[in-house]
PDB file of N, CA and C in Angstrom:
ATOM      1  N   MET A   1     -24.932   3.983  37.196  1.00  0.00           N
ATOM      2  CA  MET A   1     -24.881   2.587  37.592  1.00  0.00           C
ATOM      3  C   MET A   1     -25.296   1.726  36.418  1.00  0.00           C
ATOM      4  N   PRO A   2     -24.545   0.718  36.055  1.00  0.00           N
ATOM      5  CA  PRO A   2     -24.938  -0.162  34.916  1.00  0.00           C
ATOM      6  C   PRO A   2     -26.292  -0.803  35.172  1.00  0.00           C
ATOM      7  N   VAL A   3     -27.003  -1.048  34.093  1.00  0.00           N
ATOM      8  CA  VAL A   3     -28.335  -1.625  34.171  1.00  0.00           C
ATOM      9  C   VAL A   3     -28.299  -2.960  34.886  1.00  0.00           C
ATOM     10  N   ARG A   4     -27.314  -3.789  34.617  1.00  0.00           N
ATOM     11  CA  ARG A   4     -27.247  -5.128  35.249  1.00  0.00           C
ATOM     12  C   ARG A   4     -27.152  -5.014  36.771  1.00  0.00           C
ATOM     13  N   ALA A   5     -26.321  -4.074  37.279  1.00  0.00           N
ATOM     14  CA  ALA A   5     -26.191  -3.888  38.739  1.00  0.00           C
ATOM     15  C   ALA A   5     -27.502  -3.375  39.319  1.00  0.00           C
ATOM     16  N   LEU A   6     -28.179  -2.474  38.589  1.00  0.00           N
ATOM     17  CA  LEU A   6     -29.438  -1.958  39.049  1.00  0.00           C
ATOM     18  C   LEU A   6     -30.459  -3.106  39.136  1.00  0.00           C
ATOM     19  N   CYS A   7     -30.444  -4.002  38.201  1.00  0.00           N
ATOM     20  CA  CYS A   7     -31.371  -5.156  38.203  1.00  0.00           C
ATOM     21  C   CYS A   7     -31.145  -6.034  39.404  1.00  0.00           C
ATOM     22  N   LEU A   8     -29.887  -6.229  39.758  1.00  0.00           N
ATOM     23  CA  LEU A   8     -29.604  -7.044  40.967  1.00  0.00           C
ATOM     24  C   LEU A   8     -30.110  -6.367  42.196  1.00  0.00           C
ATOM     25  N   LEU A   9     -30.022  -5.051  42.275  1.00  0.00           N
ATOM     26  CA  LEU A   9     -30.516  -4.326  43.443  1.00  0.00           C
ATOM     27  C   LEU A   9     -32.037  -4.358  43.539  1.00  0.00           C
ATOM     28  N   LEU A  10     -32.675  -4.470  42.389  1.00  0.00           N
ATOM     29  CA  LEU A  10     -34.134  -4.462  42.355  1.00  0.00           C
ATOM     30  C   LEU A  10     -34.722  -5.868  42.486  1.00  0.00           C
ATOM     31  N   GLY A  11     -33.957  -6.838  42.898  1.00  0.00           N
ATOM     32  CA  GLY A  11     -34.365  -8.197  42.964  1.00  0.00           C
ATOM     33  C   GLY A  11     -35.616  -8.462  43.775  1.00  0.00           C
ATOM     34  N   ALA A  12     -35.929  -7.573  44.708  1.00  0.00           N
ATOM     35  CA  ALA A  12     -37.126  -7.774  45.554  1.00  0.00           C
ATOM     36  C   ALA A  12     -38.398  -7.374  44.865  1.00  0.00           C
ATOM     37  N   LEU A  13     -38.323  -6.685  43.745  1.00  0.00           N
ATOM     38  CA  LEU A  13     -39.528  -6.285  43.017  1.00  0.00           C
ATOM     39  C   LEU A  13     -40.073  -7.492  42.226  1.00  0.00           C
ATOM     40  N   PRO A  14     -41.359  -7.459  41.928  1.00  0.00           N
ATOM     41  CA  PRO A  14     -41.921  -8.533  41.103  1.00  0.00           C
ATOM     42  C   PRO A  14     -41.169  -8.626  39.790  1.00  0.00           C
ATOM     43  N   ILE A  15     -40.886  -9.848  39.379  1.00  0.00           N
ATOM     44  CA  ILE A  15     -40.062 -10.095  38.177  1.00  0.00           C
ATOM     45  C   ILE A  15     -40.693  -9.481  36.935  1.00  0.00           C
ATOM     46  N   ALA A  16     -41.968  -9.453  36.803  1.00  0.00           N
ATOM     47  CA  ALA A  16     -42.628  -8.903  35.626  1.00  0.00           C
ATOM     48  C   ALA A  16     -42.366  -7.405  35.518  1.00  0.00           C
ATOM     49  N   ALA A  17     -42.229  -6.734  36.625  1.00  0.00           N
ATOM     50  CA  ALA A  17     -42.030  -5.290  36.605  1.00  0.00           C
ATOM     51  C   ALA A  17     -40.645  -4.886  36.111  1.00  0.00           C
ATOM     52  N   ILE A  18     -39.665  -5.783  36.270  1.00  0.00           N
ATOM     53  CA  ILE A  18     -38.308  -5.390  35.877  1.00  0.00           C
ATOM     54  C   ILE A  18     -37.768  -6.209  34.706  1.00  0.00           C
ATOM     55  N   LEU A  19     -38.525  -7.136  34.200  1.00  0.00           N
ATOM     56  CA  LEU A  19     -38.037  -8.040  33.143  1.00  0.00           C
ATOM     57  C   LEU A  19     -37.544  -7.250  31.923  1.00  0.00           C
ATOM     58  N   GLY A  20     -38.270  -6.266  31.467  1.00  0.00           N
ATOM     59  CA  GLY A  20     -37.851  -5.490  30.304  1.00  0.00           C
ATOM     60  C   GLY A  20     -36.598  -4.712  30.530  1.00  0.00           C
ATOM     61  N   ALA A  21     -36.417  -4.173  31.726  1.00  0.00           N
ATOM     62  CA  ALA A  21     -35.275  -3.344  32.017  1.00  0.00           C
ATOM     63  C   ALA A  21     -33.990  -4.177  32.257  1.00  0.00           C
ATOM     64  N   CYS A  22     -34.127  -5.459  32.477  1.00  0.00           N
ATOM     65  CA  CYS A  22     -32.999  -6.299  32.838  1.00  0.00           C
ATOM     66  C   CYS A  22     -32.555  -7.232  31.716  1.00  0.00           C
ATOM     67  N   SER A  23     -32.679  -6.819  30.509  1.00  0.00           N
ATOM     68  CA  SER A  23     -32.226  -7.651  29.390  1.00  0.00           C
ATOM     69  C   SER A  23     -30.700  -7.605  29.335  1.00  0.00           C
ATOM     70  N   ASP A  24     -30.123  -8.413  28.511  1.00  0.00           N
ATOM     71  CA  ASP A  24     -28.696  -8.457  28.319  1.00  0.00           C
ATOM     72  C   ASP A  24     -28.207  -7.308  27.437  1.00  0.00           C
ATOM     73  N   ASP A  25     -29.091  -6.535  26.890  1.00  0.00           N
ATOM     74  CA  ASP A  25     -28.724  -5.475  25.957  1.00  0.00           C
ATOM     75  C   ASP A  25     -28.412  -4.171  26.718  1.00  0.00           C
ATOM     76  N   ASP A  26     -27.256  -4.140  27.379  1.00  0.00           N
ATOM     77  CA  ASP A  26     -26.856  -2.965  28.144  1.00  0.00           C
ATOM     78  C   ASP A  26     -26.169  -1.949  27.271  1.00  0.00           C
ATOM     79  N   ASP A  27     -25.846  -2.265  26.034  1.00  0.00           N
ATOM     80  CA  ASP A  27     -25.083  -1.381  25.192  1.00  0.00           C
ATOM     81  C   ASP A  27     -25.947  -0.488  24.277  1.00  0.00           C
ATOM     82  N   GLY A  28     -27.238  -0.450  24.478  1.00  0.00           N
ATOM     83  CA  GLY A  28     -28.076   0.383  23.662  1.00  0.00           C
ATOM     84  C   GLY A  28     -28.514  -0.391  22.419  1.00  0.00           C
ATOM     85  N   PRO A  29     -28.979   0.388  21.394  1.00  0.00           N
ATOM     86  CA  PRO A  29     -29.523  -0.262  20.196  1.00  0.00           C
ATOM     87  C   PRO A  29     -28.424  -1.068  19.470  1.00  0.00           C
ATOM     88  N   GLN A  30     -28.863  -2.169  18.882  1.00  0.00           N
ATOM     89  CA  GLN A  30     -27.939  -3.007  18.053  1.00  0.00           C
ATOM     90  C   GLN A  30     -28.070  -2.575  16.617  1.00  0.00           C
ATOM     91  N   CYS A  31     -26.949  -2.279  16.006  1.00  0.00           N
ATOM     92  CA  CYS A  31     -26.912  -1.813  14.638  1.00  0.00           C
ATOM     93  C   CYS A  31     -26.063  -2.795  13.801  1.00  0.00           C
ATOM     94  N   PRO A  32     -26.342  -2.882  12.522  1.00  0.00           N
ATOM     95  CA  PRO A  32     -25.458  -3.728  11.673  1.00  0.00           C
ATOM     96  C   PRO A  32     -24.011  -3.261  11.805  1.00  0.00           C
ATOM     97  N   ASP A  33     -23.085  -4.205  11.827  1.00  0.00           N
ATOM     98  CA  ASP A  33     -21.681  -3.884  11.909  1.00  0.00           C
ATOM     99  C   ASP A  33     -21.168  -3.526  10.523  1.00  0.00           C
ATOM    100  N   VAL A  34     -20.904  -2.235  10.343  1.00  0.00           N
ATOM    101  CA  VAL A  34     -20.418  -1.774   9.030  1.00  0.00           C
ATOM    102  C   VAL A  34     -18.908  -1.402   9.118  1.00  0.00           C
ATOM    103  N   SER A  35     -18.270  -1.748  10.238  1.00  0.00           N
ATOM    104  CA  SER A  35     -16.869  -1.430  10.370  1.00  0.00           C
ATOM    105  C   SER A  35     -16.021  -2.375   9.494  1.00  0.00           C
ATOM    106  N   GLY A  36     -14.841  -1.923   9.132  1.00  0.00           N
ATOM    107  CA  GLY A  36     -13.942  -2.750   8.372  1.00  0.00           C
ATOM    108  C   GLY A  36     -13.770  -2.269   6.944  1.00  0.00           C
ATOM    109  N   LEU A  37     -13.302  -3.141   6.117  1.00  0.00           N
ATOM    110  CA  LEU A  37     -12.974  -2.820   4.712  1.00  0.00           C
ATOM    111  C   LEU A  37     -14.162  -3.075   3.773  1.00  0.00           C
ATOM    112  N   TRP A  38     -14.419  -2.141   2.897  1.00  0.00           N
ATOM    113  CA  TRP A  38     -15.494  -2.241   1.902  1.00  0.00           C
ATOM    114  C   TRP A  38     -14.935  -1.953   0.495  1.00  0.00           C
ATOM    115  N   LYS A  39     -15.499  -2.610  -0.495  1.00  0.00           N
ATOM    116  CA  LYS A  39     -15.094  -2.412  -1.893  1.00  0.00           C
ATOM    117  C   LYS A  39     -16.267  -1.778  -2.637  1.00  0.00           C
ATOM    118  N   VAL A  40     -15.986  -0.730  -3.399  1.00  0.00           N
ATOM    119  CA  VAL A  40     -17.027  -0.073  -4.226  1.00  0.00           C
ATOM    120  C   VAL A  40     -17.258  -0.959  -5.459  1.00  0.00           C
ATOM    121  N   THR A  41     -18.466  -1.453  -5.587  1.00  0.00           N
ATOM    122  CA  THR A  41     -18.831  -2.311  -6.741  1.00  0.00           C
ATOM    123  C   THR A  41     -19.707  -1.619  -7.734  1.00  0.00           C
ATOM    124  N   GLN A  42     -20.323  -0.514  -7.342  1.00  0.00           N
ATOM    125  CA  GLN A  42     -21.122   0.295  -8.247  1.00  0.00           C
ATOM    126  C   GLN A  42     -20.994   1.755  -7.840  1.00  0.00           C
ATOM    127  N   HIS A  43     -20.814   2.634  -8.823  1.00  0.00           N
ATOM    128  CA  HIS A  43     -20.680   4.076  -8.534  1.00  0.00           C
ATOM    129  C   HIS A  43     -20.986   4.848  -9.812  1.00  0.00           C
ATOM    130  N   CYS A  44     -21.514   6.043  -9.667  1.00  0.00           N
ATOM    131  CA  CYS A  44     -21.830   6.892 -10.853  1.00  0.00           C
ATOM    132  C   CYS A  44     -20.557   7.337 -11.598  1.00  0.00           C
ATOM    133  N   GLN A  45     -19.435   7.339 -10.889  1.00  0.00           N
ATOM    134  CA  GLN A  45     -18.162   7.633 -11.547  1.00  0.00           C
ATOM    135  C   GLN A  45     -17.397   6.316 -11.670  1.00  0.00           C
ATOM    136  N   PRO A  46     -17.310   5.761 -12.882  1.00  0.00           N
ATOM    137  CA  PRO A  46     -16.695   4.457 -13.083  1.00  0.00           C
ATOM    138  C   PRO A  46     -15.289   4.342 -12.488  1.00  0.00           C
ATOM    139  N   SER A  47     -14.538   5.395 -12.385  1.00  0.00           N
ATOM    140  CA  SER A  47     -13.188   5.296 -11.817  1.00  0.00           C
ATOM    141  C   SER A  47     -13.195   4.939 -10.328  1.00  0.00           C
ATOM    142  N   ALA A  48     -14.331   5.111  -9.664  1.00  0.00           N
ATOM    143  CA  ALA A  48     -14.423   4.772  -8.230  1.00  0.00           C
ATOM    144  C   ALA A  48     -14.642   3.287  -8.033  1.00  0.00           C
ATOM    145  N   VAL A  49     -15.160   2.595  -9.023  1.00  0.00           N
ATOM    146  CA  VAL A  49     -15.450   1.148  -8.888  1.00  0.00           C
ATOM    147  C   VAL A  49     -14.125   0.394  -8.684  1.00  0.00           C
ATOM    148  N   GLY A  50     -14.132  -0.457  -7.679  1.00  0.00           N
ATOM    149  CA  GLY A  50     -12.916  -1.211  -7.353  1.00  0.00           C
ATOM    150  C   GLY A  50     -12.119  -0.593  -6.225  1.00  0.00           C
ATOM    151  N   SER A  51     -12.376   0.670  -5.901  1.00  0.00           N
ATOM    152  CA  SER A  51     -11.656   1.275  -4.782  1.00  0.00           C
ATOM    153  C   SER A  51     -12.172   0.735  -3.472  1.00  0.00           C
ATOM    154  N   GLN A  52     -11.394   0.894  -2.416  1.00  0.00           N
ATOM    155  CA  GLN A  52     -11.779   0.382  -1.123  1.00  0.00           C
ATOM    156  C   GLN A  52     -11.861   1.458  -0.077  1.00  0.00           C
ATOM    157  N   LEU A  53     -12.749   1.294   0.875  1.00  0.00           N
ATOM    158  CA  LEU A  53     -12.938   2.203   1.991  1.00  0.00           C
ATOM    159  C   LEU A  53     -12.768   1.471   3.289  1.00  0.00           C
ATOM    160  N   ALA A  54     -12.062   2.078   4.230  1.00  0.00           N
ATOM    161  CA  ALA A  54     -11.947   1.520   5.573  1.00  0.00           C
ATOM    162  C   ALA A  54     -12.893   2.331   6.475  1.00  0.00           C
ATOM    163  N   VAL A  55     -13.743   1.618   7.218  1.00  0.00           N
ATOM    164  CA  VAL A  55     -14.745   2.256   8.057  1.00  0.00           C
ATOM    165  C   VAL A  55     -14.567   1.898   9.514  1.00  0.00           C
ATOM    166  N   GLN A  56     -14.604   2.915  10.356  1.00  0.00           N
ATOM    167  CA  GLN A  56     -14.583   2.698  11.828  1.00  0.00           C
ATOM    168  C   GLN A  56     -15.987   2.968  12.350  1.00  0.00           C
ATOM    169  N   GLN A  57     -16.422   2.172  13.294  1.00  0.00           N
ATOM    170  CA  GLN A  57     -17.783   2.297  13.828  1.00  0.00           C
ATOM    171  C   GLN A  57     -17.745   2.359  15.341  1.00  0.00           C
ATOM    172  N   SER A  58     -18.523   3.246  15.906  1.00  0.00           N
ATOM    173  CA  SER A  58     -18.729   3.353  17.367  1.00  0.00           C
ATOM    174  C   SER A  58     -20.214   3.420  17.600  1.00  0.00           C
ATOM    175  N   GLY A  59     -20.788   2.358  18.157  1.00  0.00           N
ATOM    176  CA  GLY A  59     -22.209   2.292  18.327  1.00  0.00           C
ATOM    177  C   GLY A  59     -22.898   2.265  16.989  1.00  0.00           C
ATOM    178  N   CYS A  60     -23.784   3.190  16.749  1.00  0.00           N
ATOM    179  CA  CYS A  60     -24.475   3.251  15.469  1.00  0.00           C
ATOM    180  C   CYS A  60     -23.907   4.343  14.542  1.00  0.00           C
ATOM    181  N   ASN A  61     -22.788   4.941  14.930  1.00  0.00           N
ATOM    182  CA  ASN A  61     -22.157   5.975  14.131  1.00  0.00           C
ATOM    183  C   ASN A  61     -20.888   5.399  13.502  1.00  0.00           C
ATOM    184  N   PHE A  62     -20.545   5.919  12.301  1.00  0.00           N
ATOM    185  CA  PHE A  62     -19.350   5.431  11.622  1.00  0.00           C
ATOM    186  C   PHE A  62     -18.720   6.576  10.845  1.00  0.00           C
ATOM    187  N   SER A  63     -17.451   6.341  10.470  1.00  0.00           N
ATOM    188  CA  SER A  63     -16.708   7.294   9.632  1.00  0.00           C
ATOM    189  C   SER A  63     -15.714   6.526   8.825  1.00  0.00           C
ATOM    190  N   THR A  64     -15.283   7.133   7.707  1.00  0.00           N
ATOM    191  CA  THR A  64     -14.231   6.502   6.917  1.00  0.00           C
ATOM    192  C   THR A  64     -12.887   6.874   7.524  1.00  0.00           C
ATOM    193  N   SER A  65     -11.879   6.077   7.241  1.00  0.00           N
ATOM    194  CA  SER A  65     -10.580   6.260   7.879  1.00  0.00           C
ATOM    195  C   SER A  65      -9.973   7.618   7.580  1.00  0.00           C
ATOM    196  N   GLY A  66     -10.246   8.209   6.437  1.00  0.00           N
ATOM    197  CA  GLY A  66      -9.707   9.511   6.101  1.00  0.00           C
ATOM    198  C   GLY A  66     -10.600  10.652   6.586  1.00  0.00           C
ATOM    199  N   GLY A  67     -11.741  10.324   7.164  1.00  0.00           N
ATOM    200  CA  GLY A  67     -12.653  11.310   7.681  1.00  0.00           C
ATOM    201  C   GLY A  67     -13.516  12.021   6.641  1.00  0.00           C
ATOM    202  N   GLU A  68     -13.460  11.543   5.369  1.00  0.00           N
ATOM    203  CA  GLU A  68     -14.237  12.197   4.327  1.00  0.00           C
ATOM    204  C   GLU A  68     -15.730  12.049   4.531  1.00  0.00           C
ATOM    205  N   PHE A  69     -16.130  10.905   5.089  1.00  0.00           N
ATOM    206  CA  PHE A  69     -17.544  10.603   5.252  1.00  0.00           C
ATOM    207  C   PHE A  69     -17.853  10.194   6.685  1.00  0.00           C
ATOM    208  N   ASN A  70     -19.026  10.649   7.172  1.00  0.00           N
ATOM    209  CA  ASN A  70     -19.543  10.277   8.472  1.00  0.00           C
ATOM    210  C   ASN A  70     -20.968   9.852   8.286  1.00  0.00           C
ATOM    211  N   GLY A  71     -21.439   8.962   9.166  1.00  0.00           N
ATOM    212  CA  GLY A  71     -22.805   8.558   9.002  1.00  0.00           C
ATOM    213  C   GLY A  71     -23.314   7.810  10.220  1.00  0.00           C
ATOM    214  N   SER A  72     -24.530   7.315  10.053  1.00  0.00           N
ATOM    215  CA  SER A  72     -25.152   6.516  11.095  1.00  0.00           C
ATOM    216  C   SER A  72     -25.937   5.400  10.441  1.00  0.00           C
ATOM    217  N   VAL A  73     -26.060   4.318  11.208  1.00  0.00           N
ATOM    218  CA  VAL A  73     -26.846   3.157  10.729  1.00  0.00           C
ATOM    219  C   VAL A  73     -27.824   2.798  11.844  1.00  0.00           C
ATOM    220  N   ALA A  74     -29.063   2.650  11.500  1.00  0.00           N
ATOM    221  CA  ALA A  74     -30.108   2.270  12.474  1.00  0.00           C
ATOM    222  C   ALA A  74     -30.189   0.751  12.599  1.00  0.00           C
ATOM    223  N   SER A  75     -30.812   0.316  13.661  1.00  0.00           N
ATOM    224  CA  SER A  75     -30.963  -1.147  13.860  1.00  0.00           C
ATOM    225  C   SER A  75     -31.706  -1.803  12.698  1.00  0.00           C
ATOM    226  N   SER A  76     -32.524  -1.027  11.983  1.00  0.00           N
ATOM    227  CA  SER A  76     -33.245  -1.529  10.820  1.00  0.00           C
ATOM    228  C   SER A  76     -32.347  -1.656   9.585  1.00  0.00           C
ATOM    229  N   GLY A  77     -31.141  -1.071   9.665  1.00  0.00           N
ATOM    230  CA  GLY A  77     -30.247  -1.099   8.526  1.00  0.00           C
ATOM    231  C   GLY A  77     -30.278   0.158   7.709  1.00  0.00           C
ATOM    232  N   GLU A  78     -31.151   1.122   8.073  1.00  0.00           N
ATOM    233  CA  GLU A  78     -31.237   2.385   7.344  1.00  0.00           C
ATOM    234  C   GLU A  78     -29.939   3.176   7.605  1.00  0.00           C
ATOM    235  N   VAL A  79     -29.344   3.698   6.517  1.00  0.00           N
ATOM    236  CA  VAL A  79     -28.060   4.406   6.608  1.00  0.00           C
ATOM    237  C   VAL A  79     -28.216   5.850   6.119  1.00  0.00           C
ATOM    238  N   SER A  80     -27.505   6.744   6.780  1.00  0.00           N
ATOM    239  CA  SER A  80     -27.419   8.132   6.389  1.00  0.00           C
ATOM    240  C   SER A  80     -25.914   8.500   6.366  1.00  0.00           C
ATOM    241  N   VAL A  81     -25.470   9.089   5.263  1.00  0.00           N
ATOM    242  CA  VAL A  81     -24.051   9.416   5.097  1.00  0.00           C
ATOM    243  C   VAL A  81     -23.924  10.878   4.629  1.00  0.00           C
ATOM    244  N   THR A  82     -23.000  11.613   5.245  1.00  0.00           N
ATOM    245  CA  THR A  82     -22.667  12.964   4.781  1.00  0.00           C
ATOM    246  C   THR A  82     -21.169  13.082   4.689  1.00  0.00           C
ATOM    247  N   GLY A  83     -20.700  14.013   3.915  1.00  0.00           N
ATOM    248  CA  GLY A  83     -19.288  14.244   3.826  1.00  0.00           C
ATOM    249  C   GLY A  83     -18.940  15.216   2.743  1.00  0.00           C
ATOM    250  N   SER A  84     -17.684  15.222   2.344  1.00  0.00           N
ATOM    251  CA  SER A  84     -17.188  16.133   1.324  1.00  0.00           C
ATOM    252  C   SER A  84     -16.134  15.409   0.505  1.00  0.00           C
ATOM    253  N   LEU A  85     -16.187  15.579  -0.789  1.00  0.00           N
ATOM    254  CA  LEU A  85     -15.205  14.939  -1.666  1.00  0.00           C
ATOM    255  C   LEU A  85     -14.806  16.008  -2.693  1.00  0.00           C
ATOM    256  N   ALA A  86     -13.536  16.293  -2.768  1.00  0.00           N
ATOM    257  CA  ALA A  86     -13.003  17.296  -3.677  1.00  0.00           C
ATOM    258  C   ALA A  86     -13.732  18.646  -3.482  1.00  0.00           C
ATOM    259  N   GLY A  87     -14.095  18.943  -2.238  1.00  0.00           N
ATOM    260  CA  GLY A  87     -14.735  20.199  -1.950  1.00  0.00           C
ATOM    261  C   GLY A  87     -16.231  20.235  -2.195  1.00  0.00           C
ATOM    262  N   PHE A  88     -16.799  19.157  -2.672  1.00  0.00           N
ATOM    263  CA  PHE A  88     -18.244  19.102  -2.931  1.00  0.00           C
ATOM    264  C   PHE A  88     -18.953  18.331  -1.825  1.00  0.00           C
ATOM    265  N   PRO A  89     -20.047  18.863  -1.293  1.00  0.00           N
ATOM    266  CA  PRO A  89     -20.769  18.144  -0.243  1.00  0.00           C
ATOM    267  C   PRO A  89     -21.445  16.902  -0.797  1.00  0.00           C
ATOM    268  N   ILE A  90     -21.423  15.858   0.002  1.00  0.00           N
ATOM    269  CA  ILE A  90     -22.047  14.579  -0.389  1.00  0.00           C
ATOM    270  C   ILE A  90     -23.097  14.231   0.674  1.00  0.00           C
ATOM    271  N   GLN A  91     -24.277  13.802   0.213  1.00  0.00           N
ATOM    272  CA  GLN A  91     -25.334  13.357   1.091  1.00  0.00           C
ATOM    273  C   GLN A  91     -25.991  12.129   0.504  1.00  0.00           C
ATOM    274  N   CYS A  92     -26.042  11.043   1.306  1.00  0.00           N
ATOM    275  CA  CYS A  92     -26.593   9.772   0.809  1.00  0.00           C
ATOM    276  C   CYS A  92     -27.475   9.165   1.863  1.00  0.00           C
ATOM    277  N   SER A  93     -28.395   8.338   1.400  1.00  0.00           N
ATOM    278  CA  SER A  93     -29.207   7.513   2.301  1.00  0.00           C
ATOM    279  C   SER A  93     -29.339   6.151   1.615  1.00  0.00           C
ATOM    280  N   GLY A  94     -29.604   5.141   2.455  1.00  0.00           N
ATOM    281  CA  GLY A  94     -29.758   3.807   1.887  1.00  0.00           C
ATOM    282  C   GLY A  94     -29.917   2.741   2.975  1.00  0.00           C
ATOM    283  N   THR A  95     -29.446   1.529   2.663  1.00  0.00           N
ATOM    284  CA  THR A  95     -29.599   0.415   3.561  1.00  0.00           C
ATOM    285  C   THR A  95     -28.267  -0.316   3.686  1.00  0.00           C
ATOM    286  N   ALA A  96     -28.093  -0.958   4.867  1.00  0.00           N
ATOM    287  CA  ALA A  96     -26.839  -1.691   5.100  1.00  0.00           C
ATOM    288  C   ALA A  96     -27.117  -3.008   5.803  1.00  0.00           C
ATOM    289  N   THR A  97     -26.354  -3.991   5.438  1.00  0.00           N
ATOM    290  CA  THR A  97     -26.283  -5.245   6.189  1.00  0.00           C
ATOM    291  C   THR A  97     -24.784  -5.399   6.508  1.00  0.00           C
ATOM    292  N   PRO A  98     -24.424  -6.395   7.285  1.00  0.00           N
ATOM    293  CA  PRO A  98     -22.997  -6.564   7.572  1.00  0.00           C
ATOM    294  C   PRO A  98     -22.148  -6.883   6.347  1.00  0.00           C
ATOM    295  N   VAL A  99     -22.737  -7.193   5.169  1.00  0.00           N
ATOM    296  CA  VAL A  99     -21.951  -7.561   3.992  1.00  0.00           C
ATOM    297  C   VAL A  99     -22.275  -6.757   2.730  1.00  0.00           C
ATOM    298  N   HIS A 100     -23.273  -5.842   2.802  1.00  0.00           N
ATOM    299  CA  HIS A 100     -23.738  -5.148   1.617  1.00  0.00           C
ATOM    300  C   HIS A 100     -24.308  -3.784   1.997  1.00  0.00           C
ATOM    301  N   VAL A 101     -23.915  -2.721   1.294  1.00  0.00           N
ATOM    302  CA  VAL A 101     -24.469  -1.401   1.503  1.00  0.00           C
ATOM    303  C   VAL A 101     -24.924  -0.846   0.166  1.00  0.00           C
ATOM    304  N   THR A 102     -26.135  -0.314   0.110  1.00  0.00           N
ATOM    305  CA  THR A 102     -26.653   0.331  -1.078  1.00  0.00           C
ATOM    306  C   THR A 102     -27.025   1.771  -0.704  1.00  0.00           C
ATOM    307  N   LEU A 103     -26.466   2.733  -1.474  1.00  0.00           N
ATOM    308  CA  LEU A 103     -26.679   4.158  -1.173  1.00  0.00           C
ATOM    309  C   LEU A 103     -27.261   4.879  -2.369  1.00  0.00           C
ATOM    310  N   ASN A 104     -28.174   5.787  -2.123  1.00  0.00           N
ATOM    311  CA  ASN A 104     -28.692   6.712  -3.100  1.00  0.00           C
ATOM    312  C   ASN A 104     -28.192   8.086  -2.703  1.00  0.00           C
ATOM    313  N   CYS A 105     -27.316   8.640  -3.524  1.00  0.00           N
ATOM    314  CA  CYS A 105     -26.674   9.910  -3.160  1.00  0.00           C
ATOM    315  C   CYS A 105     -27.225  11.047  -4.022  1.00  0.00           C
ATOM    316  N   ALA A 106     -27.145  12.264  -3.460  1.00  0.00           N
ATOM    317  CA  ALA A 106     -27.591  13.467  -4.195  1.00  0.00           C
ATOM    318  C   ALA A 106     -26.879  13.528  -5.511  1.00  0.00           C
ATOM    319  N   GLY A 107     -27.570  14.005  -6.525  1.00  0.00           N
ATOM    320  CA  GLY A 107     -26.998  14.076  -7.883  1.00  0.00           C
ATOM    321  C   GLY A 107     -27.252  12.800  -8.654  1.00  0.00           C
ATOM    322  N   ASN A 108     -28.203  11.984  -8.165  1.00  0.00           N
ATOM    323  CA  ASN A 108     -28.585  10.729  -8.837  1.00  0.00           C
ATOM    324  C   ASN A 108     -27.424   9.733  -8.958  1.00  0.00           C
ATOM    325  N   CYS A 109     -26.659   9.588  -7.899  1.00  0.00           N
ATOM    326  CA  CYS A 109     -25.532   8.668  -7.867  1.00  0.00           C
ATOM    327  C   CYS A 109     -25.863   7.468  -7.013  1.00  0.00           C
ATOM    328  N   GLN A 110     -25.883   6.328  -7.620  1.00  0.00           N
ATOM    329  CA  GLN A 110     -26.142   5.073  -6.922  1.00  0.00           C
ATOM    330  C   GLN A 110     -24.805   4.408  -6.560  1.00  0.00           C
ATOM    331  N   VAL A 111     -24.636   4.061  -5.296  1.00  0.00           N
ATOM    332  CA  VAL A 111     -23.387   3.490  -4.833  1.00  0.00           C
ATOM    333  C   VAL A 111     -23.667   2.151  -4.151  1.00  0.00           C
ATOM    334  N   THR A 112     -22.907   1.152  -4.471  1.00  0.00           N
ATOM    335  CA  THR A 112     -23.013  -0.154  -3.823  1.00  0.00           C
ATOM    336  C   THR A 112     -21.631  -0.529  -3.272  1.00  0.00           C
ATOM    337  N   LEU A 113     -21.603  -0.948  -2.011  1.00  0.00           N
ATOM    338  CA  LEU A 113     -20.380  -1.404  -1.350  1.00  0.00           C
ATOM    339  C   LEU A 113     -20.581  -2.859  -0.910  1.00  0.00           C
ATOM    340  N   GLU A 114     -19.551  -3.651  -1.073  1.00  0.00           N
ATOM    341  CA  GLU A 114     -19.563  -5.032  -0.614  1.00  0.00           C
ATOM    342  C   GLU A 114     -18.258  -5.347   0.089  1.00  0.00           C
ATOM    343  N   ARG A 115     -18.293  -6.367   0.944  1.00  0.00           N
ATOM    344  CA  ARG A 115     -17.072  -6.794   1.576  1.00  0.00           C
ATOM    345  C   ARG A 115     -16.134  -7.396   0.535  1.00  0.00           C
ATOM    346  N   PRO A 116     -14.843  -7.049   0.579  1.00  0.00           N
ATOM    347  CA  PRO A 116     -13.927  -7.634  -0.426  1.00  0.00           C
ATOM    348  C   PRO A 116     -13.691  -9.102  -0.221  1.00  0.00           C
TER     349      PRO A 116
END
């Protein structure tokens, strides 16, 4: 049963007891929206700079359109990314806002993504 419907059924309870459970946030945690197109503006391999990535997001989880990378973003903006590129495993962590992502990847590779 959706939280909103449950709140309506619980209308007879004291309002203070149900106030926290009856917020408008029925969809779970709110995470920065990282879906859409991103441009690589910094990368340890110069040939990657200028390339673009398409990202799909569901809740706090995301993946690139080709499936090379998967990750999650917390409501705080903390990002974790894993994947494989040319057969090599990739693992990164960093921060994200709706317009800027900064990643520190294994192998001392700093990656920055911005909206094009």
